[in-house]
């Protein structure tokens, strides 16, 4: 199912390459399959297009952690924390603070929601 959904999102991006929600949906589908490289790439597009999209920073950090790059994961979460603080997204801020306070190494397949 996820593969067909990925194809749908890719087709949508042909028509709407700057649509944040399409990029986020694609990243979610890649994450479900454990395709962390592709998920991270899609999430980079999300935060490029909308630097205040805090959920994307949460997922991006998770993808980077799963790729074995804890420092880049922490960097993504830190930028997300700045965005959450700037935008007043207190729930996202709490979640990002918890991620930053957690272990700095080791992959996790748990998605940030």
PDB file of N, CA and C in Angstrom:
ATOM      1  N   UNK A   1       0.824  -1.200   0.000  1.00  0.00           N
ATOM      2  CA  UNK A   1       0.000   0.000   0.000  1.00  0.00           C
ATOM      3  C   UNK A   1       0.863   1.258   0.000  1.00  0.00           C
ATOM      4  N   UNK A   2       1.916   1.289   0.841  1.00  0.00           N
ATOM      5  CA  UNK A   2       2.745   2.484   0.924  1.00  0.00           C
ATOM      6  C   UNK A   2       3.428   2.804  -0.395  1.00  0.00           C
ATOM      7  N   UNK A   3       3.827   1.755  -1.142  1.00  0.00           N
ATOM      8  CA  UNK A   3       4.481   2.003  -2.424  1.00  0.00           C
ATOM      9  C   UNK A   3       3.535   2.719  -3.383  1.00  0.00           C
ATOM     10  N   UNK A   4       2.273   2.311  -3.410  1.00  0.00           N
ATOM     11  CA  UNK A   4       1.334   2.983  -4.305  1.00  0.00           C
ATOM     12  C   UNK A   4       1.054   4.412  -3.820  1.00  0.00           C
ATOM     13  N   UNK A   5       1.033   4.609  -2.499  1.00  0.00           N
ATOM     14  CA  UNK A   5       0.842   5.956  -1.972  1.00  0.00           C
ATOM     15  C   UNK A   5       2.049   6.836  -2.306  1.00  0.00           C
ATOM     16  N   UNK A   6       3.236   6.256  -2.249  1.00  0.00           N
ATOM     17  CA  UNK A   6       4.442   7.005  -2.623  1.00  0.00           C
ATOM     18  C   UNK A   6       4.328   7.474  -4.064  1.00  0.00           C
ATOM     19  N   UNK A   7       3.864   6.601  -4.934  1.00  0.00           N
ATOM     20  CA  UNK A   7       3.710   6.969  -6.341  1.00  0.00           C
ATOM     21  C   UNK A   7       2.703   8.101  -6.502  1.00  0.00           C
ATOM     22  N   UNK A   8       1.624   8.051  -5.743  1.00  0.00           N
ATOM     23  CA  UNK A   8       0.617   9.118  -5.802  1.00  0.00           C
ATOM     24  C   UNK A   8       1.239  10.445  -5.373  1.00  0.00           C
ATOM     25  N   UNK A   9       1.982  10.437  -4.275  1.00  0.00           N
ATOM     26  CA  UNK A   9       2.622  11.678  -3.816  1.00  0.00           C
ATOM     27  C   UNK A   9       3.623  12.204  -4.844  1.00  0.00           C
ATOM     28  N   UNK A  10       4.387  11.307  -5.457  1.00  0.00           N
ATOM     29  CA  UNK A  10       5.342  11.736  -6.481  1.00  0.00           C
ATOM     30  C   UNK A  10       4.618  12.379  -7.666  1.00  0.00           C
ATOM     31  N   UNK A  11       3.512  11.804  -8.055  1.00  0.00           N
ATOM     32  CA  UNK A  11       2.736  12.380  -9.155  1.00  0.00           C
ATOM     33  C   UNK A  11       2.180  13.753  -8.766  1.00  0.00           C
ATOM     34  N   UNK A  12       1.736  13.875  -7.532  1.00  0.00           N
ATOM     35  CA  UNK A  12       1.236  15.170  -7.058  1.00  0.00           C
ATOM     36  C   UNK A  12       2.351  16.212  -7.071  1.00  0.00           C
ATOM     37  N   UNK A  13       3.568  15.797  -6.730  1.00  0.00           N
ATOM     38  CA  UNK A  13       4.694  16.738  -6.730  1.00  0.00           C
ATOM     39  C   UNK A  13       5.044  17.224  -8.127  1.00  0.00           C
ATOM     40  N   UNK A  14       4.728  16.429  -9.137  1.00  0.00           N
ATOM     41  CA  UNK A  14       4.943  16.880 -10.511  1.00  0.00           C
ATOM     42  C   UNK A  14       4.105  18.122 -10.796  1.00  0.00           C
ATOM     43  N   UNK A  15       2.901  18.159 -10.217  1.00  0.00           N
ATOM     44  CA  UNK A  15       1.990  19.280 -10.419  1.00  0.00           C
ATOM     45  C   UNK A  15       2.176  20.399  -9.402  1.00  0.00           C
ATOM     46  N   UNK A  16       2.617  20.026  -8.183  1.00  0.00           N
ATOM     47  CA  UNK A  16       2.714  20.983  -7.081  1.00  0.00           C
ATOM     48  C   UNK A  16       4.046  20.813  -6.333  1.00  0.00           C
ATOM     49  N   UNK A  17       5.159  21.149  -6.962  1.00  0.00           N
ATOM     50  CA  UNK A  17       6.467  20.888  -6.343  1.00  0.00           C
ATOM     51  C   UNK A  17       6.742  21.689  -5.070  1.00  0.00           C
ATOM     52  N   UNK A  18       5.980  22.719  -4.812  1.00  0.00           N
ATOM     53  CA  UNK A  18       6.188  23.532  -3.615  1.00  0.00           C
ATOM     54  C   UNK A  18       5.096  23.333  -2.569  1.00  0.00           C
ATOM     55  N   UNK A  19       4.353  22.251  -2.667  1.00  0.00           N
ATOM     56  CA  UNK A  19       3.274  21.978  -1.716  1.00  0.00           C
ATOM     57  C   UNK A  19       3.828  21.206  -0.510  1.00  0.00           C
ATOM     58  N   UNK A  20       3.886  21.878   0.617  1.00  0.00           N
ATOM     59  CA  UNK A  20       4.478  21.331   1.833  1.00  0.00           C
ATOM     60  C   UNK A  20       3.800  20.031   2.269  1.00  0.00           C
ATOM     61  N   UNK A  21       2.485  20.004   2.232  1.00  0.00           N
ATOM     62  CA  UNK A  21       1.774  18.819   2.710  1.00  0.00           C
ATOM     63  C   UNK A  21       2.036  17.590   1.846  1.00  0.00           C
ATOM     64  N   UNK A  22       2.288  17.792   0.582  1.00  0.00           N
ATOM     65  CA  UNK A  22       2.607  16.657  -0.288  1.00  0.00           C
ATOM     66  C   UNK A  22       3.984  16.111   0.076  1.00  0.00           C
ATOM     67  N   UNK A  23       4.946  16.994   0.287  1.00  0.00           N
ATOM     68  CA  UNK A  23       6.279  16.556   0.710  1.00  0.00           C
ATOM     69  C   UNK A  23       6.216  15.827   2.051  1.00  0.00           C
ATOM     70  N   UNK A  24       5.409  16.364   2.977  1.00  0.00           N
ATOM     71  CA  UNK A  24       5.284  15.748   4.296  1.00  0.00           C
ATOM     72  C   UNK A  24       4.625  14.369   4.184  1.00  0.00           C
ATOM     73  N   UNK A  25       3.603  14.263   3.358  1.00  0.00           N
ATOM     74  CA  UNK A  25       2.958  12.968   3.142  1.00  0.00           C
ATOM     75  C   UNK A  25       3.913  11.949   2.544  1.00  0.00           C
ATOM     76  N   UNK A  26       4.719  12.382   1.589  1.00  0.00           N
ATOM     77  CA  UNK A  26       5.720  11.498   0.987  1.00  0.00           C
ATOM     78  C   UNK A  26       6.722  11.039   2.048  1.00  0.00           C
ATOM     79  N   UNK A  27       7.179  11.966   2.876  1.00  0.00           N
ATOM     80  CA  UNK A  27       8.126  11.626   3.946  1.00  0.00           C
ATOM     81  C   UNK A  27       7.517  10.610   4.914  1.00  0.00           C
ATOM     82  N   UNK A  28       6.254  10.785   5.225  1.00  0.00           N
ATOM     83  CA  UNK A  28       5.577   9.857   6.133  1.00  0.00           C
ATOM     84  C   UNK A  28       5.541   8.453   5.555  1.00  0.00           C
ATOM     85  N   UNK A  29       5.234   8.350   4.282  1.00  0.00           N
ATOM     86  CA  UNK A  29       5.186   7.033   3.636  1.00  0.00           C
ATOM     87  C   UNK A  29       6.576   6.386   3.590  1.00  0.00           C
ATOM     88  N   UNK A  30       7.597   7.172   3.268  1.00  0.00           N
ATOM     89  CA  UNK A  30       8.959   6.628   3.281  1.00  0.00           C
ATOM     90  C   UNK A  30       9.343   6.165   4.684  1.00  0.00           C
ATOM     91  N   UNK A  31       8.951   6.935   5.693  1.00  0.00           N
ATOM     92  CA  UNK A  31       9.278   6.577   7.074  1.00  0.00           C
ATOM     93  C   UNK A  31       8.615   5.263   7.475  1.00  0.00           C
ATOM     94  N   UNK A  32       7.380   5.076   7.055  1.00  0.00           N
ATOM     95  CA  UNK A  32       6.674   3.830   7.365  1.00  0.00           C
ATOM     96  C   UNK A  32       7.420   2.614   6.832  1.00  0.00           C
ATOM     97  N   UNK A  33       8.090   2.801   5.711  1.00  0.00           N
ATOM     98  CA  UNK A  33       8.845   1.704   5.089  1.00  0.00           C
ATOM     99  C   UNK A  33      10.280   1.620   5.596  1.00  0.00           C
ATOM    100  N   UNK A  34      10.686   2.578   6.426  1.00  0.00           N
ATOM    101  CA  UNK A  34      12.068   2.604   6.901  1.00  0.00           C
ATOM    102  C   UNK A  34      13.048   3.100   5.861  1.00  0.00           C
ATOM    103  N   UNK A  35      12.559   3.810   4.849  1.00  0.00           N
ATOM    104  CA  UNK A  35      13.420   4.406   3.822  1.00  0.00           C
ATOM    105  C   UNK A  35      13.865   5.782   4.321  1.00  0.00           C
ATOM    106  N   UNK A  36      14.823   5.754   5.225  1.00  0.00           N
ATOM    107  CA  UNK A  36      15.208   6.971   5.953  1.00  0.00           C
ATOM    108  C   UNK A  36      15.875   8.012   5.075  1.00  0.00           C
ATOM    109  N   UNK A  37      16.671   7.591   4.088  1.00  0.00           N
ATOM    110  CA  UNK A  37      17.305   8.560   3.177  1.00  0.00           C
ATOM    111  C   UNK A  37      16.250   9.374   2.438  1.00  0.00           C
ATOM    112  N   UNK A  38      15.276   8.661   1.875  1.00  0.00           N
ATOM    113  CA  UNK A  38      14.227   9.329   1.119  1.00  0.00           C
ATOM    114  C   UNK A  38      13.344  10.188   2.024  1.00  0.00           C
ATOM    115  N   UNK A  39      13.073   9.673   3.226  1.00  0.00           N
ATOM    116  CA  UNK A  39      12.275  10.445   4.183  1.00  0.00           C
ATOM    117  C   UNK A  39      12.993  11.739   4.546  1.00  0.00           C
ATOM    118  N   UNK A  40      14.293  11.646   4.819  1.00  0.00           N
ATOM    119  CA  UNK A  40      15.068  12.839   5.183  1.00  0.00           C
ATOM    120  C   UNK A  40      15.085  13.846   4.041  1.00  0.00           C
ATOM    121  N   UNK A  41      15.239  13.372   2.821  1.00  0.00           N
ATOM    122  CA  UNK A  41      15.237  14.281   1.671  1.00  0.00           C
ATOM    123  C   UNK A  41      13.898  15.017   1.551  1.00  0.00           C
ATOM    124  N   UNK A  42      12.807  14.270   1.693  1.00  0.00           N
ATOM    125  CA  UNK A  42      11.482  14.893   1.593  1.00  0.00           C
ATOM    126  C   UNK A  42      11.274  15.902   2.721  1.00  0.00           C
ATOM    127  N   UNK A  43      11.723  15.550   3.926  1.00  0.00           N
ATOM    128  CA  UNK A  43      11.563  16.451   5.066  1.00  0.00           C
ATOM    129  C   UNK A  43      12.427  17.702   4.937  1.00  0.00           C
ATOM    130  N   UNK A  44      13.576  17.581   4.306  1.00  0.00           N
ATOM    131  CA  UNK A  44      14.398  18.774   4.041  1.00  0.00           C
ATOM    132  C   UNK A  44      13.623  19.740   3.164  1.00  0.00           C
ATOM    133  N   UNK A  45      12.868  19.210   2.219  1.00  0.00           N
ATOM    134  CA  UNK A  45      12.034  20.073   1.378  1.00  0.00           C
ATOM    135  C   UNK A  45      10.918  20.728   2.179  1.00  0.00           C
ATOM    136  N   UNK A  46      10.348  19.982   3.115  1.00  0.00           N
ATOM    137  CA  UNK A  46       9.291  20.557   3.948  1.00  0.00           C
ATOM    138  C   UNK A  46       9.815  21.767   4.705  1.00  0.00           C
ATOM    139  N   UNK A  47      10.941  21.608   5.401  1.00  0.00           N
ATOM    140  CA  UNK A  47      11.443  22.714   6.232  1.00  0.00           C
ATOM    141  C   UNK A  47      12.036  23.836   5.386  1.00  0.00           C
ATOM    142  N   UNK A  48      12.469  23.509   4.170  1.00  0.00           N
ATOM    143  CA  UNK A  48      12.928  24.565   3.256  1.00  0.00           C
ATOM    144  C   UNK A  48      11.745  25.440   2.844  1.00  0.00           C
ATOM    145  N   UNK A  49      10.622  24.795   2.567  1.00  0.00           N
ATOM    146  CA  UNK A  49       9.431  25.516   2.130  1.00  0.00           C
ATOM    147  C   UNK A  49       8.679  26.178   3.281  1.00  0.00           C
ATOM    148  N   UNK A  50       8.750  25.570   4.459  1.00  0.00           N
ATOM    149  CA  UNK A  50       8.069  26.119   5.634  1.00  0.00           C
ATOM    150  C   UNK A  50       8.950  25.906   6.865  1.00  0.00           C
ATOM    151  N   UNK A  51       9.812  26.878   7.174  1.00  0.00           N
ATOM    152  CA  UNK A  51      10.731  26.726   8.304  1.00  0.00           C
ATOM    153  C   UNK A  51      10.047  26.686   9.666  1.00  0.00           C
ATOM    154  N   UNK A  52       8.732  26.865   9.725  1.00  0.00           N
ATOM    155  CA  UNK A  52       8.001  26.808  10.993  1.00  0.00           C
ATOM    156  C   UNK A  52       7.248  25.489  11.181  1.00  0.00           C
ATOM    157  N   UNK A  53       7.465  24.528  10.315  1.00  0.00           N
ATOM    158  CA  UNK A  53       6.748  23.253  10.370  1.00  0.00           C
ATOM    159  C   UNK A  53       7.446  22.334  11.390  1.00  0.00           C
ATOM    160  N   UNK A  54       7.050  22.467  12.643  1.00  0.00           N
ATOM    161  CA  UNK A  54       7.763  21.798  13.729  1.00  0.00           C
ATOM    162  C   UNK A  54       7.694  20.274  13.645  1.00  0.00           C
ATOM    163  N   UNK A  55       6.590  19.722  13.203  1.00  0.00           N
ATOM    164  CA  UNK A  55       6.484  18.265  13.100  1.00  0.00           C
ATOM    165  C   UNK A  55       7.504  17.710  12.110  1.00  0.00           C
ATOM    166  N   UNK A  56       7.822  18.481  11.086  1.00  0.00           N
ATOM    167  CA  UNK A  56       8.813  18.034  10.105  1.00  0.00           C
ATOM    168  C   UNK A  56      10.196  17.936  10.741  1.00  0.00           C
ATOM    169  N   UNK A  57      10.528  18.864  11.624  1.00  0.00           N
ATOM    170  CA  UNK A  57      11.820  18.790  12.313  1.00  0.00           C
ATOM    171  C   UNK A  57      11.883  17.563  13.222  1.00  0.00           C
ATOM    172  N   UNK A  58      10.764  17.246  13.851  1.00  0.00           N
ATOM    173  CA  UNK A  58      10.724  16.057  14.702  1.00  0.00           C
ATOM    174  C   UNK A  58      10.995  14.804  13.877  1.00  0.00           C
ATOM    175  N   UNK A  59      10.289  14.665  12.759  1.00  0.00           N
ATOM    176  CA  UNK A  59      10.478  13.503  11.891  1.00  0.00           C
ATOM    177  C   UNK A  59      11.849  13.496  11.242  1.00  0.00           C
ATOM    178  N   UNK A  60      12.341  14.671  10.858  1.00  0.00           N
ATOM    179  CA  UNK A  60      13.658  14.750  10.236  1.00  0.00           C
ATOM    180  C   UNK A  60      14.728  14.252  11.197  1.00  0.00           C
ATOM    181  N   UNK A  61      14.646  14.676  12.449  1.00  0.00           N
ATOM    182  CA  UNK A  61      15.601  14.193  13.442  1.00  0.00           C
ATOM    183  C   UNK A  61      15.539  12.689  13.604  1.00  0.00           C
ATOM    184  N   UNK A  62      14.338  12.144  13.603  1.00  0.00           N
ATOM    185  CA  UNK A  62      14.178  10.696  13.717  1.00  0.00           C
ATOM    186  C   UNK A  62      14.805   9.984  12.517  1.00  0.00           C
ATOM    187  N   UNK A  63      14.566  10.511  11.333  1.00  0.00           N
ATOM    188  CA  UNK A  63      15.156   9.907  10.128  1.00  0.00           C
ATOM    189  C   UNK A  63      16.680   9.960  10.195  1.00  0.00           C
ATOM    190  N   UNK A  64      17.213  11.097  10.593  1.00  0.00           N
ATOM    191  CA  UNK A  64      18.666  11.242  10.678  1.00  0.00           C
ATOM    192  C   UNK A  64      19.258  10.328  11.754  1.00  0.00           C
ATOM    193  N   UNK A  65      18.546  10.170  12.858  1.00  0.00           N
ATOM    194  CA  UNK A  65      19.008   9.259  13.903  1.00  0.00           C
ATOM    195  C   UNK A  65      19.055   7.839  13.357  1.00  0.00           C
ATOM    196  N   UNK A  66      18.033   7.469  12.608  1.00  0.00           N
ATOM    197  CA  UNK A  66      17.997   6.133  12.014  1.00  0.00           C
ATOM    198  C   UNK A  66      19.051   5.943  10.934  1.00  0.00           C
ATOM    199  N   UNK A  67      19.527   7.033  10.376  1.00  0.00           N
ATOM    200  CA  UNK A  67      20.620   6.960   9.399  1.00  0.00           C
ATOM    201  C   UNK A  67      21.986   6.930  10.087  1.00  0.00           C
ATOM    202  N   UNK A  68      21.968   6.981  11.418  1.00  0.00           N
ATOM    203  CA  UNK A  68      23.220   6.895  12.165  1.00  0.00           C
ATOM    204  C   UNK A  68      23.942   8.211  12.328  1.00  0.00           C
ATOM    205  N   UNK A  69      23.221   9.308  12.243  1.00  0.00           N
ATOM    206  CA  UNK A  69      23.838  10.620  12.390  1.00  0.00           C
ATOM    207  C   UNK A  69      23.184  11.391  13.547  1.00  0.00           C
ATOM    208  N   UNK A  70      23.557  11.023  14.783  1.00  0.00           N
ATOM    209  CA  UNK A  70      22.908  11.660  15.934  1.00  0.00           C
ATOM    210  C   UNK A  70      23.142  13.163  16.028  1.00  0.00           C
ATOM    211  N   UNK A  71      24.281  13.644  15.562  1.00  0.00           N
ATOM    212  CA  UNK A  71      24.521  15.085  15.645  1.00  0.00           C
ATOM    213  C   UNK A  71      23.598  15.857  14.715  1.00  0.00           C
ATOM    214  N   UNK A  72      23.425  15.377  13.499  1.00  0.00           N
ATOM    215  CA  UNK A  72      22.497  16.047  12.572  1.00  0.00           C
ATOM    216  C   UNK A  72      21.064  15.932  13.077  1.00  0.00           C
ATOM    217  N   UNK A  73      20.733  14.813  13.715  1.00  0.00           N
ATOM    218  CA  UNK A  73      19.397  14.656  14.292  1.00  0.00           C
ATOM    219  C   UNK A  73      19.177  15.713  15.367  1.00  0.00           C
ATOM    220  N   UNK A  74      20.139  15.867  16.246  1.00  0.00           N
ATOM    221  CA  UNK A  74      20.027  16.855  17.317  1.00  0.00           C
ATOM    222  C   UNK A  74      19.972  18.272  16.742  1.00  0.00           C
ATOM    223  N   UNK A  75      20.719  18.514  15.674  1.00  0.00           N
ATOM    224  CA  UNK A  75      20.669  19.829  15.019  1.00  0.00           C
ATOM    225  C   UNK A  75      19.264  20.110  14.486  1.00  0.00           C
ATOM    226  N   UNK A  76      18.654  19.102  13.843  1.00  0.00           N
ATOM    227  CA  UNK A  76      17.293  19.273  13.312  1.00  0.00           C
ATOM    228  C   UNK A  76      16.318  19.547  14.451  1.00  0.00           C
ATOM    229  N   UNK A  77      16.436  18.793  15.532  1.00  0.00           N
ATOM    230  CA  UNK A  77      15.541  18.997  16.667  1.00  0.00           C
ATOM    231  C   UNK A  77      15.756  20.370  17.299  1.00  0.00           C
ATOM    232  N   UNK A  78      17.000  20.827  17.342  1.00  0.00           N
ATOM    233  CA  UNK A  78      17.285  22.156  17.913  1.00  0.00           C
ATOM    234  C   UNK A  78      16.664  23.265  17.064  1.00  0.00           C
ATOM    235  N   UNK A  79      16.781  23.143  15.755  1.00  0.00           N
ATOM    236  CA  UNK A  79      16.163  24.134  14.865  1.00  0.00           C
ATOM    237  C   UNK A  79      14.645  24.080  15.019  1.00  0.00           C
ATOM    238  N   UNK A  80      14.106  22.879  15.140  1.00  0.00           N
ATOM    239  CA  UNK A  80      12.681  22.729  15.362  1.00  0.00           C
ATOM    240  C   UNK A  80      12.236  23.354  16.676  1.00  0.00           C
ATOM    241  N   UNK A  81      13.067  23.218  17.698  1.00  0.00           N
ATOM    242  CA  UNK A  81      12.763  23.832  18.992  1.00  0.00           C
ATOM    243  C   UNK A  81      12.723  25.349  18.873  1.00  0.00           C
ATOM    244  N   UNK A  82      13.652  25.911  18.112  1.00  0.00           N
ATOM    245  CA  UNK A  82      13.639  27.360  17.862  1.00  0.00           C
ATOM    246  C   UNK A  82      12.353  27.767  17.145  1.00  0.00           C
ATOM    247  N   UNK A  83      11.939  26.966  16.163  1.00  0.00           N
ATOM    248  CA  UNK A  83      10.706  27.266  15.422  1.00  0.00           C
ATOM    249  C   UNK A  83       9.490  27.160  16.344  1.00  0.00           C
ATOM    250  N   UNK A  84       9.465  26.138  17.190  1.00  0.00           N
ATOM    251  CA  UNK A  84       8.344  25.968  18.115  1.00  0.00           C
ATOM    252  C   UNK A  84       8.263  27.125  19.097  1.00  0.00           C
ATOM    253  N   UNK A  85       9.407  27.573  19.558  1.00  0.00           N
ATOM    254  CA  UNK A  85       9.447  28.705  20.484  1.00  0.00           C
ATOM    255  C   UNK A  85       8.970  29.966  19.781  1.00  0.00           C
ATOM    256  N   UNK A  86       9.446  30.173  18.562  1.00  0.00           N
ATOM    257  CA  UNK A  86       9.096  31.364  17.778  1.00  0.00           C
ATOM    258  C   UNK A  86       7.598  31.426  17.458  1.00  0.00           C
ATOM    259  N   UNK A  87       7.019  30.256  17.184  1.00  0.00           N
ATOM    260  CA  UNK A  87       5.624  30.217  16.751  1.00  0.00           C
ATOM    261  C   UNK A  87       4.644  29.952  17.890  1.00  0.00           C
ATOM    262  N   UNK A  88       5.156  29.677  19.066  1.00  0.00           N
ATOM    263  CA  UNK A  88       4.282  29.406  20.208  1.00  0.00           C
ATOM    264  C   UNK A  88       3.680  28.013  20.205  1.00  0.00           C
ATOM    265  N   UNK A  89       4.291  27.092  19.502  1.00  0.00           N
ATOM    266  CA  UNK A  89       3.808  25.707  19.456  1.00  0.00           C
ATOM    267  C   UNK A  89       4.332  24.965  20.687  1.00  0.00           C
ATOM    268  N   UNK A  90       3.647  25.139  21.807  1.00  0.00           N
ATOM    269  CA  UNK A  90       4.162  24.644  23.080  1.00  0.00           C
ATOM    270  C   UNK A  90       4.223  23.126  23.151  1.00  0.00           C
ATOM    271  N   UNK A  91       3.277  22.413  22.535  1.00  0.00           N
ATOM    272  CA  UNK A  91       3.295  20.947  22.565  1.00  0.00           C
ATOM    273  C   UNK A  91       4.487  20.416  21.765  1.00  0.00           C
ATOM    274  N   UNK A  92       4.713  20.981  20.598  1.00  0.00           N
ATOM    275  CA  UNK A  92       5.869  20.584  19.791  1.00  0.00           C
ATOM    276  C   UNK A  92       7.157  20.915  20.538  1.00  0.00           C
ATOM    277  N   UNK A  93       7.164  22.056  21.207  1.00  0.00           N
ATOM    278  CA  UNK A  93       8.343  22.444  21.983  1.00  0.00           C
ATOM    279  C   UNK A  93       8.644  21.406  23.062  1.00  0.00           C
ATOM    280  N   UNK A  94       7.619  20.961  23.774  1.00  0.00           N
ATOM    281  CA  UNK A  94       7.818  19.945  24.808  1.00  0.00           C
ATOM    282  C   UNK A  94       8.376  18.658  24.207  1.00  0.00           C
ATOM    283  N   UNK A  95       7.829  18.263  23.082  1.00  0.00           N
ATOM    284  CA  UNK A  95       8.283  17.034  22.433  1.00  0.00           C
ATOM    285  C   UNK A  95       9.737  17.163  21.975  1.00  0.00           C
ATOM    286  N   UNK A  96      10.063  18.269  21.374  1.00  0.00           N
ATOM    287  CA  UNK A  96      11.435  18.484  20.909  1.00  0.00           C
ATOM    288  C   UNK A  96      12.414  18.563  22.079  1.00  0.00           C
ATOM    289  N   UNK A  97      12.008  19.189  23.157  1.00  0.00           N
ATOM    290  CA  UNK A  97      12.864  19.236  24.353  1.00  0.00           C
ATOM    291  C   UNK A  97      13.121  17.826  24.877  1.00  0.00           C
ATOM    292  N   UNK A  98      12.087  16.991  24.870  1.00  0.00           N
ATOM    293  CA  UNK A  98      12.245  15.614  25.321  1.00  0.00           C
ATOM    294  C   UNK A  98      13.188  14.837  24.404  1.00  0.00           C
ATOM    295  N   UNK A  99      13.070  15.046  23.110  1.00  0.00           N
ATOM    296  CA  UNK A  99      13.969  14.377  22.168  1.00  0.00           C
ATOM    297  C   UNK A  99      15.415  14.805  22.400  1.00  0.00           C
ATOM    298  N   UNK A 100      15.620  16.092  22.625  1.00  0.00           N
ATOM    299  CA  UNK A 100      16.970  16.603  22.863  1.00  0.00           C
ATOM    300  C   UNK A 100      17.534  16.129  24.191  1.00  0.00           C
ATOM    301  N   UNK A 101      16.682  15.872  25.157  1.00  0.00           N
ATOM    302  CA  UNK A 101      17.142  15.407  26.464  1.00  0.00           C
ATOM    303  C   UNK A 101      17.429  13.907  26.468  1.00  0.00           C
ATOM    304  N   UNK A 102      16.940  13.206  25.438  1.00  0.00           N
ATOM    305  CA  UNK A 102      17.096  11.754  25.372  1.00  0.00           C
ATOM    306  C   UNK A 102      18.496  11.354  24.967  1.00  0.00           C
ATOM    307  N   UNK A 103      18.681  10.073  24.742  1.00  0.00           N
ATOM    308  CA  UNK A 103      20.003   9.575  24.344  1.00  0.00           C
ATOM    309  C   UNK A 103      20.466  10.180  23.029  1.00  0.00           C
ATOM    310  N   UNK A 104      21.751  10.459  22.946  1.00  0.00           N
ATOM    311  CA  UNK A 104      22.319  11.121  21.770  1.00  0.00           C
ATOM    312  C   UNK A 104      22.780  10.135  20.719  1.00  0.00           C
ATOM    313  N   UNK A 105      22.644   8.838  20.979  1.00  0.00           N
ATOM    314  CA  UNK A 105      23.106   7.844  20.010  1.00  0.00           C
ATOM    315  C   UNK A 105      22.088   6.741  19.858  1.00  0.00           C
ATOM    316  N   UNK A 106      22.211   6.032  18.758  1.00  0.00           N
ATOM    317  CA  UNK A 106      21.385   4.858  18.551  1.00  0.00           C
ATOM    318  C   UNK A 106      20.145   5.142  17.753  1.00  0.00           C
ATOM    319  N   UNK A 107      19.896   4.319  16.719  1.00  0.00           N
ATOM    320  CA  UNK A 107      18.713   4.540  15.893  1.00  0.00           C
ATOM    321  C   UNK A 107      17.448   4.154  16.619  1.00  0.00           C
ATOM    322  N   UNK A 108      16.376   4.749  16.186  1.00  0.00           N
ATOM    323  CA  UNK A 108      15.051   4.442  16.710  1.00  0.00           C
ATOM    324  C   UNK A 108      14.096   4.397  15.532  1.00  0.00           C
ATOM    325  N   UNK A 109      13.284   3.380  15.497  1.00  0.00           N
ATOM    326  CA  UNK A 109      12.322   3.301  14.398  1.00  0.00           C
ATOM    327  C   UNK A 109      11.008   3.986  14.771  1.00  0.00           C
ATOM    328  N   UNK A 110      10.913   4.499  15.991  1.00  0.00           N
ATOM    329  CA  UNK A 110       9.682   5.160  16.423  1.00  0.00           C
ATOM    330  C   UNK A 110       9.549   6.504  15.736  1.00  0.00           C
ATOM    331  N   UNK A 111       8.402   6.707  15.101  1.00  0.00           N
ATOM    332  CA  UNK A 111       8.144   7.977  14.444  1.00  0.00           C
ATOM    333  C   UNK A 111       7.754   9.018  15.467  1.00  0.00           C
ATOM    334  N   UNK A 112       8.169  10.225  15.228  1.00  0.00           N
ATOM    335  CA  UNK A 112       7.742  11.337  16.060  1.00  0.00           C
ATOM    336  C   UNK A 112       6.411  11.823  15.539  1.00  0.00           C
ATOM    337  N   UNK A 113       5.448  11.955  16.415  1.00  0.00           N
ATOM    338  CA  UNK A 113       4.117  12.386  15.988  1.00  0.00           C
ATOM    339  C   UNK A 113       3.728  13.631  16.709  1.00  0.00           C
TER     340      UNK A 113
END
